[in-house]
Every structure is written in structure tokens, then in C-alpha cells.
Amino acid sequence: MVTVLSMIEVPTRWGIIPAKYHYLKHPTGSSHLAVLFPGKGYTLDAPVMWYSAKAAFDAGCDVLEVEYGYQANRVELMIDELDSLVEETAATLNNLVNNQYSNVVFIGKSIGTIVQTKVLQKLSFSVPNHIFLTPLKAIIPAIRDSKNALVIVGDRDSAFETSDITQVAGFSHVKLTVVPEADHGLETKDYSVSIDILKQVAILCGDFCRELL
């Protein structure tokens, strides 16, 4: 499939190296956009993020991949800097996206699920659809309040306990997939099983995005 790829450089408070947002567009145009928010150390080229982006694009969405400024500059993110990260990301999205798409889906992994929910409050456009990959406990209220959501989590994820999974399972508008034996990286000790999980996650993300078209 032909892809129109542009690299958007975003000045950042974390150093002289700009954050780089990859923007993949369909040459014939798309009215749907998927925006990816990576984890703290789980970057855009890590397996789950990489193939979620490919799945969203294959489903017909343009794809915008967010790189955080601290990642670009190879420095550590301090917890008290999270609000600055959110402000920086939201400002960039407002400038890039605005209202040019009829439907937007956010795809976040781990701390990226916190970023996507906080960014949502600062946007000039609506985002009714969310994919939460290994979400953190703190965003359960955001999952509850979302209009349309897919949640994928492993049952061995120390950041999302059985009681958290049970709580999310009670939300009627949420499609929940609990992956047996999978940890916070959606992996197991058996690499062949981890590859199968990766395929499952990519298919689920693609199907969710395809349903929006």
C-alpha cells in the first residue's frame, strides 16, 4: 500500500533535539485519523506500537505517531513534568489536526494512556474513540467516561490488577480483551506465544479502527 510519509519536527522543553512526529497519509485521502501515544520507555518502534500503527493504517486511517520530547533527547521523564508533556502534545495536535478529520481514534500504551486522556481535555476537536493498551489504574475513570473503547491487558500485568480488570469488564461500552499469561509488555516467557499475542493485538486494533469507517 502506498504511503505518504511526512516528518514533523516539534520544538520541546526537554532539549535541543526536536520531537519527531511521523505522519502517514493515504494518497487518496482519509477522513479518519489514528493518533499513537507510546509508553514511557515503550517507544513507537516497539512491537505493539509498531504493528498497531500498521493495523490502523491498513484499516483506512491516516496515522500520526507522537514522539515525546524527553524521548527525542534521551532523558528521563520526571513525574512532575507530565503536565508539561501533555501541554506540549496537545498544542501540537491542535495545530496539526484541528477539525480536518470526521473521526479520530487515540491509541495509547501504558503511560501513553494517561497522556491521551489528559490531552483530550485540551483539544479543539473531539475524540470519541480510544484504544487503551495495558492501561494504568489511574485512567479507569477515563475508560468509564469514554464513548467507545477497546481495552487490551494481560492477566499478569502488575500495573493492572484483577480487580481493575473486573471493574472495566462492567463497562458496557468497552470491548475488553484479557490476554492469558501476558505481562505489561503483552508478552510471555515463550517468544512464539508473544508473537501470537502481537498478531492478536494488531488484528483487534485494526478491526476497531475499521469499524469506524
Protein backbone atom coordinates (compact mmCIF):
# COMPACT_ATOMS: atom_id res chain seq x y z
CA MET A 1 0.00 0.00 0.00
CA VAL A 2 1.35 3.41 -0.97
CA THR A 3 2.05 5.70 1.97
CA VAL A 4 2.65 9.43 2.06
CA LEU A 5 5.02 9.95 4.97
CA SER A 6 5.97 13.29 6.42
CA MET A 7 8.17 14.03 9.44
CA ILE A 8 7.01 16.86 11.66
CA GLU A 9 9.61 18.34 13.99
CA VAL A 10 8.29 19.77 17.25
CA PRO A 11 10.44 22.01 19.48
CA THR A 12 10.49 20.72 23.04
CA ARG A 13 11.44 21.88 26.51
CA TRP A 14 13.48 18.70 27.04
CA GLY A 15 16.44 19.72 24.88
CA ILE A 16 17.72 20.96 21.54
CA ILE A 17 16.64 17.87 19.62
CA PRO A 18 13.05 18.31 18.38
CA ALA A 19 10.46 15.59 18.86
CA LYS A 20 9.60 13.92 15.57
CA TYR A 21 6.01 13.05 14.75
CA HIS A 22 5.59 10.56 11.89
CA TYR A 23 2.51 11.42 9.81
CA LEU A 24 1.36 8.66 7.47
CA LYS A 25 -1.34 9.60 4.98
CA HIS A 26 -3.28 7.72 2.36
CA PRO A 27 -2.60 9.29 -1.06
CA THR A 28 -6.32 9.21 -1.85
CA GLY A 29 -7.13 10.88 1.47
CA SER A 30 -8.87 9.64 4.60
CA SER A 31 -11.48 11.16 6.86
CA HIS A 32 -10.22 9.08 9.80
CA LEU A 33 -7.10 9.54 11.91
CA ALA A 34 -5.37 7.32 14.46
CA VAL A 35 -3.01 9.06 16.90
CA LEU A 36 -0.50 6.89 18.78
CA PHE A 37 0.84 7.67 22.27
CA PRO A 38 3.75 5.41 23.26
CA GLY A 39 4.71 4.32 26.76
CA LYS A 40 7.36 5.89 28.94
CA GLY A 41 10.10 3.59 27.69
CA TYR A 42 7.99 1.68 25.18
CA THR A 43 8.66 3.75 22.08
CA LEU A 44 6.93 3.93 18.72
CA ASP A 45 9.22 1.31 17.19
CA ALA A 46 8.48 -1.26 19.92
CA PRO A 47 6.39 -4.19 18.62
CA VAL A 48 2.92 -3.39 19.97
CA MET A 49 3.09 0.27 18.88
CA TRP A 50 4.69 -0.53 15.52
CA TYR A 51 2.06 -3.05 14.49
CA SER A 52 -0.86 -1.13 15.97
CA ALA A 53 0.12 1.75 13.68
CA LYS A 54 0.33 -0.59 10.68
CA ALA A 55 -3.05 -2.11 11.55
CA ALA A 56 -4.71 1.30 11.87
CA PHE A 57 -3.28 2.42 8.54
CA ASP A 58 -4.33 -0.80 6.83
CA ALA A 59 -7.84 -0.23 8.22
CA GLY A 60 -8.03 3.05 6.32
CA CYS A 61 -6.91 5.60 8.90
CA ASP A 62 -4.21 8.18 8.45
CA VAL A 63 -1.75 7.71 11.30
CA LEU A 64 0.02 10.30 13.45
CA GLU A 65 2.70 8.95 15.77
CA VAL A 66 3.59 11.10 18.77
CA GLU A 67 7.17 11.18 19.99
CA TYR A 68 7.68 12.79 23.38
CA GLY A 69 10.35 15.46 23.74
CA TYR A 70 12.17 13.62 26.53
CA GLN A 71 12.39 10.53 24.30
CA ALA A 72 13.91 12.53 21.45
CA ASN A 73 16.55 13.93 23.81
CA ARG A 74 17.20 10.63 25.60
CA VAL A 75 16.48 12.00 29.05
CA GLU A 76 14.35 10.67 31.88
CA LEU A 77 10.78 11.88 32.39
CA MET A 78 10.14 13.18 35.89
CA ILE A 79 6.63 12.69 37.20
CA ASP A 80 6.21 16.43 37.84
CA GLU A 81 6.89 17.05 34.13
CA LEU A 82 3.85 15.10 32.94
CA ASP A 83 1.63 18.18 32.70
CA SER A 84 4.24 19.91 30.54
CA LEU A 85 4.38 16.87 28.27
CA VAL A 86 0.58 16.96 27.95
CA GLU A 87 0.58 20.70 27.15
CA GLU A 88 3.28 20.27 24.53
CA THR A 89 1.50 17.33 22.89
CA ALA A 90 -1.95 18.96 22.94
CA ALA A 91 -0.65 22.18 21.39
CA THR A 92 0.98 20.21 18.58
CA LEU A 93 -2.16 18.17 17.90
CA ASN A 94 -4.35 21.27 17.84
CA ASN A 95 -2.05 22.80 15.23
CA LEU A 96 -1.77 19.67 13.10
CA VAL A 97 -5.17 18.05 13.30
CA ASN A 98 -7.79 20.66 14.15
CA ASN A 99 -11.07 19.58 12.51
CA GLN A 100 -9.87 18.07 9.24
CA TYR A 101 -10.97 14.53 10.20
CA SER A 102 -14.52 13.35 10.80
CA ASN A 103 -13.38 10.63 13.20
CA VAL A 104 -10.31 10.34 15.42
CA VAL A 105 -9.11 7.39 17.50
CA PHE A 106 -6.41 7.63 20.16
CA ILE A 107 -4.19 4.58 20.74
CA GLY A 108 -2.13 4.67 23.93
CA LYS A 109 0.21 2.22 25.67
CA SER A 110 0.88 2.30 29.43
CA ILE A 111 1.73 5.90 30.45
CA GLY A 112 0.55 6.86 26.97
CA THR A 113 -2.98 6.04 28.16
CA ILE A 114 -2.61 8.77 30.78
CA VAL A 115 -1.26 11.21 28.19
CA GLN A 116 -4.10 10.52 25.76
CA THR A 117 -6.77 11.11 28.39
CA LYS A 118 -5.15 14.32 29.68
CA VAL A 119 -4.54 15.63 26.15
CA LEU A 120 -8.20 15.01 25.36
CA GLN A 121 -9.21 17.77 27.77
CA LYS A 122 -7.14 20.38 25.91
CA LEU A 123 -8.14 19.76 22.30
CA SER A 124 -10.18 21.88 19.91
CA PHE A 125 -11.63 18.74 18.28
CA SER A 126 -13.46 15.71 19.66
CA VAL A 127 -12.04 12.20 20.07
CA PRO A 128 -14.82 9.70 20.78
CA ASN A 129 -12.80 6.52 20.19
CA HIS A 130 -9.97 5.14 22.32
CA ILE A 131 -7.75 2.08 22.37
CA PHE A 132 -6.09 1.52 25.74
CA LEU A 133 -3.18 -0.94 25.57
CA THR A 134 -2.06 -2.10 29.03
CA PRO A 135 -3.69 0.92 30.69
CA LEU A 136 -2.73 2.17 34.12
CA LYS A 137 -5.09 2.02 37.09
CA ALA A 138 -5.35 5.82 37.23
CA ILE A 139 -7.27 6.02 33.96
CA ILE A 140 -10.13 3.70 34.87
CA PRO A 141 -12.47 6.73 35.29
CA ALA A 142 -11.47 7.90 31.79
CA ILE A 143 -12.23 4.45 30.40
CA ARG A 144 -15.60 4.60 32.12
CA ASP A 145 -16.35 8.03 30.65
CA SER A 146 -15.19 7.26 27.10
CA LYS A 147 -17.83 6.83 24.40
CA ASN A 148 -16.26 3.90 22.57
CA ALA A 149 -13.23 2.00 23.80
CA LEU A 150 -11.09 -1.08 23.32
CA VAL A 151 -9.00 -2.23 26.28
CA ILE A 152 -6.30 -4.88 25.94
CA VAL A 153 -4.45 -6.06 29.03
CA GLY A 154 -2.57 -9.14 30.19
CA ASP A 155 -3.73 -11.08 33.21
CA ARG A 156 -0.14 -11.00 34.55
CA ASP A 157 0.15 -7.22 34.28
CA SER A 158 1.35 -5.92 37.66
CA ALA A 159 0.15 -2.40 36.75
CA PHE A 160 -3.47 -3.52 36.25
CA GLU A 161 -4.75 -5.99 38.81
CA THR A 162 -7.58 -8.50 38.65
CA SER A 163 -9.90 -6.11 40.49
CA ASP A 164 -9.16 -3.42 37.90
CA ILE A 165 -9.96 -5.81 35.06
CA THR A 166 -13.22 -6.77 36.77
CA GLN A 167 -14.17 -3.11 37.10
CA VAL A 168 -13.54 -2.39 33.40
CA ALA A 169 -15.40 -5.56 32.40
CA GLY A 170 -18.53 -3.98 33.84
CA PHE A 171 -18.49 -1.04 31.40
CA SER A 172 -20.99 -1.85 28.65
CA HIS A 173 -19.39 0.40 26.00
CA VAL A 174 -15.92 -1.14 26.41
CA LYS A 175 -14.57 -4.04 24.39
CA LEU A 176 -12.21 -5.81 26.78
CA THR A 177 -9.61 -8.42 25.84
CA VAL A 178 -7.65 -10.06 28.64
CA VAL A 179 -4.61 -11.93 27.31
CA PRO A 180 -3.72 -15.05 29.36
CA GLU A 181 -0.21 -15.18 30.83
CA ALA A 182 0.75 -11.79 29.31
CA ASP A 183 2.66 -9.17 31.27
CA HIS A 184 2.73 -5.36 30.96
CA GLY A 185 4.53 -5.65 27.63
CA LEU A 186 1.83 -8.04 26.37
CA GLU A 187 4.48 -10.74 26.28
CA THR A 188 5.09 -14.12 27.91
CA LYS A 189 8.26 -16.10 28.59
CA ASP A 190 7.61 -18.06 25.38
CA TYR A 191 8.58 -15.87 22.42
CA SER A 192 6.37 -17.81 19.99
CA VAL A 193 3.35 -17.15 22.21
CA SER A 194 4.37 -13.48 22.40
CA ILE A 195 4.38 -13.30 18.61
CA ASP A 196 0.88 -14.78 18.53
CA ILE A 197 -0.25 -12.18 21.07
CA LEU A 198 1.26 -9.41 18.96
CA LYS A 199 -0.75 -10.63 15.97
CA GLN A 200 -3.91 -10.79 18.09
CA VAL A 201 -3.41 -7.21 19.33
CA ALA A 202 -2.77 -5.90 15.81
CA ILE A 203 -5.92 -7.57 14.49
CA LEU A 204 -8.02 -6.20 17.36
CA CYS A 205 -6.71 -2.68 16.78
CA GLY A 206 -7.28 -2.95 13.04
CA ASP A 207 -10.82 -4.25 13.47
CA PHE A 208 -11.66 -1.48 15.96
CA CYS A 209 -10.41 1.18 13.54
CA ARG A 210 -12.16 -0.45 10.58
CA GLU A 211 -15.50 -0.32 12.40
CA LEU A 212 -15.21 3.48 12.48
CA LEU A 213 -15.16 3.79 8.68
